Amino acid sequence: MSNRSFSVAVLKKIKSYKKSIEVDSDKSISIRSFLFSSISHNVSELRNVLESEDVFSTISCLKKLGVKIKKIKSKHYLVFGKGLGSLYAKKDITLDFGNSGTLARLLIGILSTSPNIQLKLKGDKSLNKRNMYKLINLMSEFGAQFYPKNKYNFPLRIISSEMPVAINYKAGISAQLKSAVILSALNSYGITNILEEKESRDHTENILKKNPDVLKIEKNKKKQKIIKVFGKKYLNPIHLTVPSDPSSAAFMTALTLLNNNSYLSIKNVCLNPRRIGFYKLLKKHGAKIYFKKIRKINNELIGNIEVYSSKIKNINAPSSYYTSLTDEYPIVFVIAALIPGVSVFKGIGDLANKESNRIEEMKKILKQVGVKCTSTKEEMKIYGSNKISYINKKIFVPNLGDHRICMSALILSLITGAKANINNFETVETSSPSFLKIIKSLGGKFEIKKTS
């Protein structure tokens, strides 16, 4: 995370606008592109990568593991890969994942089956609290060991497998765990079979599709996806231009939908079907959102998003939306709060295990502006209204270390005019370093206050 710490105070309600923007590059694809390049052969070329705290943590860890990475210019990098099993560092050096759960899980996937790895692993205060039980158990199946025994959060020590052998894995909703298994399988003996019982993000598979001898995707009789990973194969270098992040675009979309007489065009956004649950859900409930100029580049759908101010109906989000809406729930909760009627969100229990408990923290924020919310472990109801008076209402966000909460609170403040003081806002730089710059370009008024 950034060494500088600051809060943001929102000064007034935003006015109408009609603009065209480009949001930050996709974080998931940027991190994966560096990791896969590091274990591929020869020189990979990566363009338009996200230059955020999480990606800088990725680059820092890979350099500690002996990977040569050269920056050509802004967002343009060369990665000099040496193939599978090539990552290495002196015994017991420390890798710092910062705030990035994606980096932690995926790089541990690579390290678990890389030879002669004995390293210390840690993250920032927020990441160190997150439970890595499922990851550790999976990597243990490949033969990796973690110390102290029966400890499931960072800091930890890893000793890689001496003889990694393929496994069979039933994947759940976590694309990060699925990707960690794929990455471990690449340097294991035999064929790893992954049954995807529930669809999750497939950026990892899309990058690997350029290696048909390495990864094959089939369907079983139930039409479930089976991923076969053939270990110990040659990986071709990567040549990739990263599209814009649909999760970052979601906040600007929400701002436009809720703001009167406004229009926004967002250019070159990743429209991967497993990343656009936010847009599909809102379109189903009356949002004027349109995908334009759709094309396929590097196995990913990319296009422009056009958004108009809209009257949205109260939202019903069944559990089937969870995997394609995971990162956007906080901002969807804001939308639900500002439209009339009761909105219901089901199957959201895993939101309690993000950078913060996003169910409880969003309930606190919405309560501050007079919106009633109730929740159980797996469900949340928001009693929305467009008739609440926000005069003298104040939004306060404490030091949570959660970028999505910070961004959602700022959008809520800009739309309602409720004054906001949002601490720990530097966490937004982990995923969307241009966020405040874009908000300013749309006419948002705020003050930045340094806290350290």
Protein backbone atom coordinates (compact mmCIF):
# COMPACT_ATOMS: atom_id res chain seq x y z
CA MET A 1 0.00 0.00 0.00
CA SER A 2 1.03 3.59 -0.55
CA ASN A 3 3.31 5.06 2.11
CA ARG A 4 1.22 8.22 2.12
CA SER A 5 -2.06 8.18 3.98
CA PHE A 6 -4.91 10.56 3.28
CA SER A 7 -8.63 11.11 3.74
CA VAL A 8 -11.11 12.65 1.33
CA ALA A 9 -13.84 15.13 2.24
CA VAL A 10 -16.65 15.62 -0.28
CA LEU A 11 -17.77 19.25 -0.46
CA LYS A 12 -21.01 19.27 -2.43
CA LYS A 13 -23.42 17.42 -4.67
CA ILE A 14 -22.21 16.77 -8.23
CA LYS A 15 -23.86 18.56 -11.17
CA SER A 16 -25.04 17.05 -14.46
CA TYR A 17 -22.42 16.10 -17.06
CA LYS A 18 -22.01 14.59 -20.51
CA LYS A 19 -18.52 13.13 -20.87
CA SER A 20 -16.34 10.45 -22.42
CA ILE A 21 -13.67 8.80 -20.23
CA GLU A 22 -11.30 5.85 -19.99
CA VAL A 23 -10.93 4.20 -16.57
CA ASP A 24 -7.91 2.36 -15.17
CA SER A 25 -6.70 -0.88 -16.72
CA ASP A 26 -8.00 -4.21 -15.44
CA LYS A 27 -6.28 -5.29 -12.24
CA SER A 28 -7.04 -9.02 -12.51
CA ILE A 29 -5.59 -9.28 -16.02
CA SER A 30 -2.60 -7.03 -15.21
CA ILE A 31 -1.50 -9.16 -12.24
CA ARG A 32 -2.00 -12.40 -14.17
CA SER A 33 -0.07 -11.09 -17.18
CA PHE A 34 3.05 -10.47 -15.08
CA LEU A 35 2.79 -13.81 -13.26
CA PHE A 36 2.34 -15.86 -16.42
CA SER A 37 5.06 -13.95 -18.25
CA SER A 38 7.49 -14.77 -15.43
CA ILE A 39 7.09 -18.54 -15.96
CA SER A 40 6.84 -18.44 -19.75
CA HIS A 41 9.84 -18.74 -22.06
CA ASN A 42 11.53 -15.78 -23.74
CA VAL A 43 10.38 -12.16 -23.68
CA SER A 44 6.75 -11.23 -23.04
CA GLU A 45 5.44 -7.77 -23.89
CA LEU A 46 2.68 -6.21 -21.79
CA ARG A 47 0.93 -2.96 -22.74
CA ASN A 48 -1.55 -0.75 -20.91
CA VAL A 49 -1.01 -2.60 -17.62
CA LEU A 50 -2.49 -1.10 -14.49
CA GLU A 51 0.13 0.87 -12.57
CA SER A 52 -1.38 0.54 -9.11
CA GLU A 53 -0.14 -0.55 -5.69
CA ASP A 54 -1.25 -4.17 -6.18
CA VAL A 55 0.56 -4.43 -9.52
CA PHE A 56 3.68 -2.77 -8.09
CA SER A 57 3.61 -5.40 -5.33
CA THR A 58 3.47 -8.06 -8.06
CA ILE A 59 6.49 -6.61 -9.86
CA SER A 60 8.43 -6.28 -6.59
CA CYS A 61 7.80 -9.93 -5.62
CA LEU A 62 8.79 -11.23 -9.05
CA LYS A 63 12.02 -9.24 -9.05
CA LYS A 64 12.88 -10.76 -5.66
CA LEU A 65 12.35 -14.14 -7.31
CA GLY A 66 14.92 -13.41 -10.00
CA VAL A 67 12.65 -12.21 -12.82
CA LYS A 68 14.00 -9.43 -15.02
CA ILE A 69 11.29 -6.84 -15.74
CA LYS A 70 11.99 -3.78 -17.85
CA LYS A 71 9.72 -0.75 -18.07
CA ILE A 72 9.70 0.68 -21.61
CA LYS A 73 7.39 3.61 -20.87
CA SER A 74 4.19 4.27 -18.92
CA LYS A 75 2.12 1.06 -18.70
CA HIS A 76 4.44 -0.78 -21.13
CA TYR A 77 6.73 -3.56 -19.83
CA LEU A 78 8.94 -6.39 -21.01
CA VAL A 79 9.19 -9.53 -18.87
CA PHE A 80 12.14 -11.88 -19.47
CA GLY A 81 10.76 -15.31 -18.60
CA LYS A 82 12.88 -18.43 -18.11
CA GLY A 83 10.10 -21.01 -18.03
CA LEU A 84 8.43 -23.18 -15.40
CA GLY A 85 10.36 -23.78 -12.20
CA SER A 86 12.67 -20.83 -12.84
CA LEU A 87 11.63 -18.65 -9.89
CA TYR A 88 14.16 -18.72 -7.09
CA ALA A 89 15.31 -16.71 -4.08
CA LYS A 90 17.69 -17.16 -1.16
CA LYS A 91 16.28 -19.08 1.78
CA ASP A 92 13.86 -17.19 4.04
CA ILE A 93 13.71 -13.89 2.21
CA THR A 94 10.30 -12.22 2.65
CA LEU A 95 7.77 -11.62 -0.10
CA ASP A 96 5.33 -8.79 0.67
CA PHE A 97 1.99 -9.09 -1.13
CA GLY A 98 0.78 -5.71 0.11
CA ASN A 99 -3.01 -5.53 -0.06
CA SER A 100 -3.41 -8.00 -2.93
CA GLY A 101 -5.26 -11.24 -2.26
CA THR A 102 -5.04 -12.02 -5.98
CA LEU A 103 -1.25 -11.77 -5.96
CA ALA A 104 -0.98 -13.79 -2.75
CA ARG A 105 -3.08 -16.71 -3.92
CA LEU A 106 -1.77 -16.89 -7.48
CA LEU A 107 1.91 -16.47 -6.67
CA ILE A 108 1.66 -19.05 -3.88
CA GLY A 109 0.19 -21.32 -6.57
CA ILE A 110 3.35 -20.89 -8.64
CA LEU A 111 5.73 -21.18 -5.67
CA SER A 112 4.13 -24.34 -4.26
CA THR A 113 5.45 -26.45 -7.15
CA SER A 114 8.61 -24.46 -7.95
CA PRO A 115 11.74 -26.37 -6.81
CA ASN A 116 13.78 -25.37 -3.75
CA ILE A 117 11.53 -22.59 -2.47
CA GLN A 118 11.75 -21.67 1.22
CA LEU A 119 10.32 -18.19 1.76
CA LYS A 120 8.50 -16.00 4.25
CA LEU A 121 5.18 -14.53 3.14
CA LYS A 122 3.30 -11.51 4.44
CA GLY A 123 0.83 -8.81 3.46
CA ASP A 124 -0.35 -5.48 4.80
CA LYS A 125 -2.53 -5.18 7.91
CA SER A 126 -5.71 -5.91 5.95
CA LEU A 127 -4.38 -8.90 3.97
CA ASN A 128 -2.78 -10.43 7.08
CA LYS A 129 -6.26 -10.78 8.60
CA ARG A 130 -7.66 -12.75 5.67
CA ASN A 131 -8.13 -16.50 6.01
CA MET A 132 -6.00 -18.61 3.65
CA TYR A 133 -7.29 -21.97 4.91
CA LYS A 134 -8.64 -23.19 1.55
CA LEU A 135 -5.51 -22.11 -0.33
CA ILE A 136 -3.15 -23.78 2.12
CA ASN A 137 -5.10 -27.05 2.03
CA LEU A 138 -5.07 -27.07 -1.78
CA MET A 139 -1.37 -26.34 -2.06
CA SER A 140 -0.70 -29.03 0.53
CA GLU A 141 -2.28 -31.54 -1.88
CA PHE A 142 0.53 -30.69 -4.32
CA GLY A 143 3.04 -31.31 -1.51
CA ALA A 144 3.79 -27.75 -0.35
CA GLN A 145 4.24 -27.14 3.38
CA PHE A 146 3.29 -24.07 5.42
CA TYR A 147 4.49 -23.00 8.85
CA PRO A 148 3.48 -22.52 11.60
CA LYS A 149 1.26 -25.58 11.23
CA ASN A 150 -2.49 -24.94 11.58
CA LYS A 151 -2.04 -21.20 11.05
CA TYR A 152 -4.09 -19.88 8.14
CA ASN A 153 -3.23 -16.21 7.84
CA PHE A 154 -0.06 -14.28 7.06
CA PRO A 155 2.74 -14.06 8.01
CA LEU A 156 3.62 -17.62 7.00
CA ARG A 157 6.58 -19.62 5.75
CA ILE A 158 6.33 -21.81 2.63
CA ILE A 159 8.44 -24.81 1.61
CA SER A 160 7.66 -25.95 -1.93
CA SER A 161 6.85 -29.50 -2.95
CA GLU A 162 9.78 -31.82 -3.68
CA MET A 163 7.67 -34.00 -6.01
CA PRO A 164 4.52 -32.14 -7.18
CA VAL A 165 1.93 -34.49 -8.67
CA ALA A 166 -1.34 -33.60 -10.43
CA ILE A 167 -4.58 -33.45 -8.42
CA ASN A 168 -8.33 -33.47 -9.05
CA TYR A 169 -10.15 -30.38 -7.82
CA LYS A 170 -13.79 -29.33 -7.62
CA ALA A 171 -13.73 -25.56 -8.03
CA GLY A 172 -16.21 -23.35 -6.18
CA ILE A 173 -16.93 -19.65 -6.65
CA SER A 174 -13.34 -18.48 -6.17
CA ALA A 175 -11.47 -17.76 -9.41
CA GLN A 176 -8.35 -17.07 -7.35
CA LEU A 177 -8.29 -20.58 -5.87
CA LYS A 178 -9.00 -22.09 -9.30
CA SER A 179 -6.13 -20.04 -10.76
CA ALA A 180 -3.80 -21.06 -7.94
CA VAL A 181 -4.51 -24.72 -8.75
CA ILE A 182 -3.89 -24.13 -12.47
CA LEU A 183 -0.60 -22.39 -11.72
CA SER A 184 0.54 -25.20 -9.40
CA ALA A 185 -0.53 -27.78 -11.95
CA LEU A 186 1.65 -26.23 -14.68
CA ASN A 187 4.80 -27.46 -12.94
CA SER A 188 3.40 -30.76 -11.63
CA TYR A 189 3.73 -34.24 -13.09
CA GLY A 190 0.61 -35.56 -14.81
CA ILE A 191 -2.75 -34.08 -15.74
CA THR A 192 -4.68 -31.96 -13.21
CA ASN A 193 -8.45 -32.07 -13.67
CA ILE A 194 -10.55 -29.14 -12.44
CA LEU A 195 -14.33 -29.47 -12.38
CA GLU A 196 -15.92 -26.04 -12.36
CA GLU A 197 -19.21 -26.59 -10.52
CA LYS A 198 -19.94 -22.87 -10.48
CA GLU A 199 -18.73 -20.45 -13.14
CA SER A 200 -16.06 -17.98 -12.02
CA ARG A 201 -13.70 -15.56 -13.74
CA ASP A 202 -11.75 -17.17 -16.55
CA HIS A 203 -8.95 -14.67 -17.28
CA THR A 204 -6.37 -17.33 -16.37
CA GLU A 205 -7.81 -19.79 -18.88
CA ASN A 206 -8.03 -17.06 -21.55
CA ILE A 207 -4.33 -16.25 -21.20
CA LEU A 208 -3.37 -19.94 -21.33
CA LYS A 209 -5.48 -20.70 -24.41
CA LYS A 210 -2.50 -19.68 -26.52
CA ASN A 211 -0.86 -22.88 -25.24
CA PRO A 212 -3.20 -25.61 -26.53
CA ASP A 213 -0.83 -28.38 -25.39
CA VAL A 214 -0.99 -27.05 -21.83
CA LEU A 215 -4.68 -26.43 -21.22
CA LYS A 216 -7.79 -28.07 -22.63
CA ILE A 217 -11.38 -27.20 -21.73
CA GLU A 218 -14.17 -29.77 -22.09
CA LYS A 219 -17.80 -30.16 -20.98
CA ASN A 220 -19.20 -33.12 -19.06
CA LYS A 221 -22.70 -34.59 -19.43
CA LYS A 222 -24.05 -31.95 -17.04
CA LYS A 223 -22.50 -29.26 -19.28
CA GLN A 224 -20.11 -28.29 -16.50
CA LYS A 225 -16.66 -27.08 -17.52
CA ILE A 226 -13.71 -29.42 -17.02
CA ILE A 227 -10.26 -27.83 -17.20
CA LYS A 228 -7.38 -30.18 -17.95
CA VAL A 229 -3.88 -28.86 -17.18
CA PHE A 230 -0.95 -30.82 -18.63
CA GLY A 231 2.09 -30.32 -16.42
CA LYS A 232 5.72 -29.72 -17.33
CA LYS A 233 5.03 -28.18 -20.76
CA TYR A 234 6.59 -25.25 -22.63
CA LEU A 235 4.76 -21.92 -22.14
CA ASN A 236 4.80 -19.45 -25.03
CA PRO A 237 5.62 -15.80 -24.29
CA ILE A 238 2.69 -13.42 -23.84
CA HIS A 239 1.88 -10.37 -25.96
CA LEU A 240 -1.02 -8.61 -24.32
CA THR A 241 -2.75 -5.22 -24.18
CA VAL A 242 -4.79 -4.94 -21.00
CA PRO A 243 -8.34 -3.52 -21.35
CA SER A 244 -10.02 -1.17 -18.88
CA ASP A 245 -11.40 -2.60 -15.66
CA PRO A 246 -15.20 -3.18 -15.57
CA SER A 247 -15.14 -2.96 -11.77
CA SER A 248 -13.58 0.51 -11.86
CA ALA A 249 -16.05 1.48 -14.59
CA ALA A 250 -18.95 0.37 -12.37
CA PHE A 251 -18.49 3.29 -9.97
CA MET A 252 -18.63 5.84 -12.79
CA THR A 253 -21.63 3.99 -14.23
CA ALA A 254 -23.46 4.19 -10.89
CA LEU A 255 -22.69 7.90 -10.57
CA THR A 256 -24.16 8.56 -14.03
CA LEU A 257 -27.26 6.40 -13.54
CA LEU A 258 -28.13 8.22 -10.31
CA ASN A 259 -27.20 11.74 -11.46
CA ASN A 260 -29.86 13.82 -13.24
CA ASN A 261 -29.54 14.60 -16.96
CA SER A 262 -26.15 12.91 -17.33
CA TYR A 263 -24.44 10.75 -19.95
CA LEU A 264 -21.13 8.90 -19.92
CA SER A 265 -19.16 6.90 -22.47
CA ILE A 266 -16.47 4.62 -21.02
CA LYS A 267 -13.95 3.38 -23.59
CA ASN A 268 -12.24 0.01 -24.11
CA VAL A 269 -13.69 -1.88 -21.14
CA CYS A 270 -13.26 -5.63 -20.56
CA LEU A 271 -16.71 -7.15 -21.15
CA ASN A 272 -15.85 -10.71 -20.16
CA PRO A 273 -19.26 -12.38 -19.52
CA ARG A 274 -18.12 -13.38 -16.03
CA ARG A 275 -17.25 -9.80 -15.10
CA ILE A 276 -20.40 -7.91 -16.13
CA GLY A 277 -22.99 -9.10 -13.61
CA PHE A 278 -23.25 -5.50 -12.35
CA TYR A 279 -24.33 -4.24 -15.76
CA LYS A 280 -26.66 -7.15 -16.53
CA LEU A 281 -28.41 -6.82 -13.17
CA LEU A 282 -29.00 -3.10 -13.51
CA LYS A 283 -30.11 -3.33 -17.15
CA LYS A 284 -32.67 -5.91 -16.04
CA HIS A 285 -34.01 -3.34 -13.55
CA GLY A 286 -34.32 -0.41 -15.96
CA ALA A 287 -30.82 1.06 -16.25
CA LYS A 288 -29.97 2.60 -19.62
CA ILE A 289 -26.64 0.88 -20.20
CA TYR A 290 -25.46 -0.08 -23.68
CA PHE A 291 -22.41 -2.04 -24.89
CA LYS A 292 -20.98 -0.69 -28.15
CA LYS A 293 -18.13 -1.57 -30.54
CA ILE A 294 -17.67 -5.04 -29.05
CA ARG A 295 -14.68 -7.03 -30.33
CA LYS A 296 -12.48 -9.91 -29.13
CA ILE A 297 -8.81 -9.28 -28.33
CA ASN A 298 -6.55 -11.86 -26.64
CA ASN A 299 -9.58 -14.08 -25.96
CA GLU A 300 -11.33 -11.26 -24.04
CA LEU A 301 -14.41 -9.32 -25.15
CA ILE A 302 -13.77 -5.57 -25.13
CA GLY A 303 -16.11 -2.67 -25.89
CA ASN A 304 -17.42 0.75 -24.91
CA ILE A 305 -20.09 1.28 -22.25
CA GLU A 306 -22.64 4.07 -22.75
CA VAL A 307 -24.64 5.13 -19.70
CA TYR A 308 -27.61 7.49 -19.30
CA SER A 309 -29.40 8.79 -16.20
CA SER A 310 -32.09 6.23 -15.40
CA LYS A 311 -35.07 5.40 -13.22
CA ILE A 312 -34.16 2.04 -11.72
CA LYS A 313 -36.61 -0.39 -10.13
CA ASN A 314 -35.92 -1.97 -6.75
CA ILE A 315 -33.32 -4.70 -7.25
CA ASN A 316 -33.69 -8.44 -6.81
CA ALA A 317 -30.28 -10.15 -7.01
CA PRO A 318 -30.40 -13.95 -6.54
CA SER A 319 -27.30 -15.88 -5.47
CA SER A 320 -26.54 -16.77 -9.10
CA TYR A 321 -25.17 -13.24 -9.56
CA TYR A 322 -22.50 -13.57 -6.89
CA THR A 323 -19.50 -14.68 -8.97
CA SER A 324 -20.02 -12.03 -11.67
CA LEU A 325 -20.89 -9.25 -9.22
CA THR A 326 -18.43 -9.92 -6.38
CA ASP A 327 -16.48 -6.65 -6.46
CA GLU A 328 -19.45 -4.42 -7.25
CA TYR A 329 -21.84 -5.24 -4.39
CA PRO A 330 -20.91 -2.16 -2.30
CA ILE A 331 -21.78 0.24 -5.12
CA VAL A 332 -24.94 -1.73 -5.99
CA PHE A 333 -25.96 -1.31 -2.33
CA VAL A 334 -25.59 2.47 -2.81
CA ILE A 335 -27.85 2.36 -5.88
CA ALA A 336 -30.42 0.27 -3.98
CA ALA A 337 -30.43 2.81 -1.15
CA LEU A 338 -31.31 5.71 -3.46
CA ILE A 339 -34.16 4.13 -5.42
CA PRO A 340 -37.66 3.48 -4.03
CA GLY A 341 -38.62 0.03 -2.78
CA VAL A 342 -37.01 -2.93 -1.04
CA SER A 343 -34.00 -4.46 -2.78
CA VAL A 344 -32.90 -8.00 -1.90
CA PHE A 345 -29.44 -9.53 -2.33
CA LYS A 346 -29.01 -13.26 -1.74
CA GLY A 347 -26.03 -15.60 -1.48
CA ILE A 348 -23.63 -12.84 -0.40
CA GLY A 349 -22.09 -14.43 2.70
CA ASP A 350 -18.56 -14.38 1.30
CA LEU A 351 -18.61 -10.55 1.29
CA ALA A 352 -17.79 -10.80 5.00
CA ASN A 353 -14.34 -12.16 4.02
CA LYS A 354 -13.19 -9.35 1.73
CA GLU A 355 -10.84 -6.49 2.68
CA SER A 356 -13.51 -5.70 5.27
CA ASN A 357 -16.89 -7.18 6.13
CA ARG A 358 -18.59 -5.41 3.25
CA ILE A 359 -22.10 -6.30 4.41
CA GLU A 360 -21.70 -4.76 7.85
CA GLU A 361 -19.63 -1.76 6.73
CA MET A 362 -22.07 -0.76 4.00
CA LYS A 363 -24.97 -1.13 6.44
CA LYS A 364 -23.22 1.34 8.76
CA ILE A 365 -22.66 3.84 5.95
CA LEU A 366 -26.22 3.64 4.62
CA LYS A 367 -27.62 3.98 8.14
CA GLN A 368 -25.71 7.28 8.48
CA VAL A 369 -27.82 8.79 5.68
CA GLY A 370 -31.08 7.36 7.02
CA VAL A 371 -31.45 4.21 4.91
CA LYS A 372 -32.74 1.09 6.67
CA CYS A 373 -30.87 -2.19 6.01
CA THR A 374 -31.28 -5.66 7.46
CA SER A 375 -29.11 -8.71 6.91
CA THR A 376 -28.54 -12.35 7.71
CA LYS A 377 -25.37 -14.32 7.00
CA GLU A 378 -26.31 -14.82 3.32
CA GLU A 379 -28.86 -12.09 2.56
CA MET A 380 -29.26 -8.32 2.72
CA LYS A 381 -32.37 -6.16 2.35
CA ILE A 382 -32.13 -2.45 1.64
CA TYR A 383 -35.21 -0.29 2.12
CA GLY A 384 -34.48 2.35 -0.49
CA SER A 385 -36.07 5.77 -0.93
CA ASN A 386 -35.66 8.79 -3.20
CA LYS A 387 -37.43 11.07 -0.71
CA ILE A 388 -34.94 11.18 2.16
CA SER A 389 -33.61 14.61 3.11
CA TYR A 390 -29.82 14.55 3.21
CA ILE A 391 -29.45 18.03 4.70
CA ASN A 392 -27.16 17.83 7.74
CA LYS A 393 -26.47 14.14 7.08
CA LYS A 394 -22.82 13.11 7.40
CA ILE A 395 -20.96 10.06 6.12
CA PHE A 396 -17.92 8.87 8.05
CA VAL A 397 -15.74 5.97 6.91
CA PRO A 398 -13.05 4.82 9.39
CA ASN A 399 -9.69 3.21 8.54
CA LEU A 400 -10.95 0.00 6.96
CA GLY A 401 -8.31 -0.64 4.30
CA ASP A 402 -11.08 -1.37 1.79
CA HIS A 403 -10.93 0.47 -1.54
CA ARG A 404 -14.43 -0.54 -2.68
CA ILE A 405 -16.02 0.83 0.50
CA CYS A 406 -14.16 4.14 0.11
CA MET A 407 -15.21 4.53 -3.53
CA SER A 408 -18.84 3.62 -2.79
CA ALA A 409 -19.07 6.12 0.06
CA LEU A 410 -17.72 8.88 -2.17
CA ILE A 411 -20.33 8.14 -4.88
CA LEU A 412 -23.08 8.16 -2.22
CA SER A 413 -21.92 11.56 -1.00
CA LEU A 414 -21.65 13.09 -4.49
CA ILE A 415 -25.20 12.00 -5.39
CA THR A 416 -26.92 12.95 -2.13
CA GLY A 417 -24.91 16.01 -1.12
CA ALA A 418 -24.40 14.50 2.35
CA LYS A 419 -21.02 15.64 3.62
CA ALA A 420 -18.45 12.86 3.78
CA ASN A 421 -15.16 12.25 5.52
CA ILE A 422 -13.59 9.08 4.15
CA ASN A 423 -10.42 7.87 5.85
CA ASN A 424 -7.79 5.51 4.44
CA PHE A 425 -8.59 6.66 0.90
CA GLU A 426 -5.08 5.77 -0.26
CA THR A 427 -6.34 2.17 -0.43
CA VAL A 428 -8.12 3.13 -3.68
CA GLU A 429 -4.67 3.28 -5.29
CA THR A 430 -4.47 -0.52 -5.01
CA SER A 431 -7.00 -0.83 -7.84
CA SER A 432 -7.89 2.55 -9.34
CA PRO A 433 -5.19 5.21 -9.01
CA SER A 434 -7.01 7.51 -11.48
CA PHE A 435 -10.30 7.38 -9.56
CA LEU A 436 -10.18 10.85 -8.01
CA LYS A 437 -8.79 12.40 -11.19
CA ILE A 438 -11.75 11.02 -13.15
CA ILE A 439 -14.25 12.16 -10.51
CA LYS A 440 -12.76 15.65 -10.74
CA SER A 441 -13.06 15.61 -14.55
CA LEU A 442 -16.78 14.86 -14.15
CA GLY A 443 -17.21 17.88 -11.86
CA GLY A 444 -16.88 16.28 -8.44
CA LYS A 445 -15.73 18.63 -5.65
CA PHE A 446 -13.62 17.22 -2.82
CA GLU A 447 -10.66 17.96 -0.56
CA ILE A 448 -7.71 15.68 0.10
CA LYS A 449 -6.34 15.76 3.64
CA LYS A 450 -3.01 14.16 4.40
CA THR A 451 -3.05 12.10 7.58
CA SER A 452 0.58 10.97 7.58
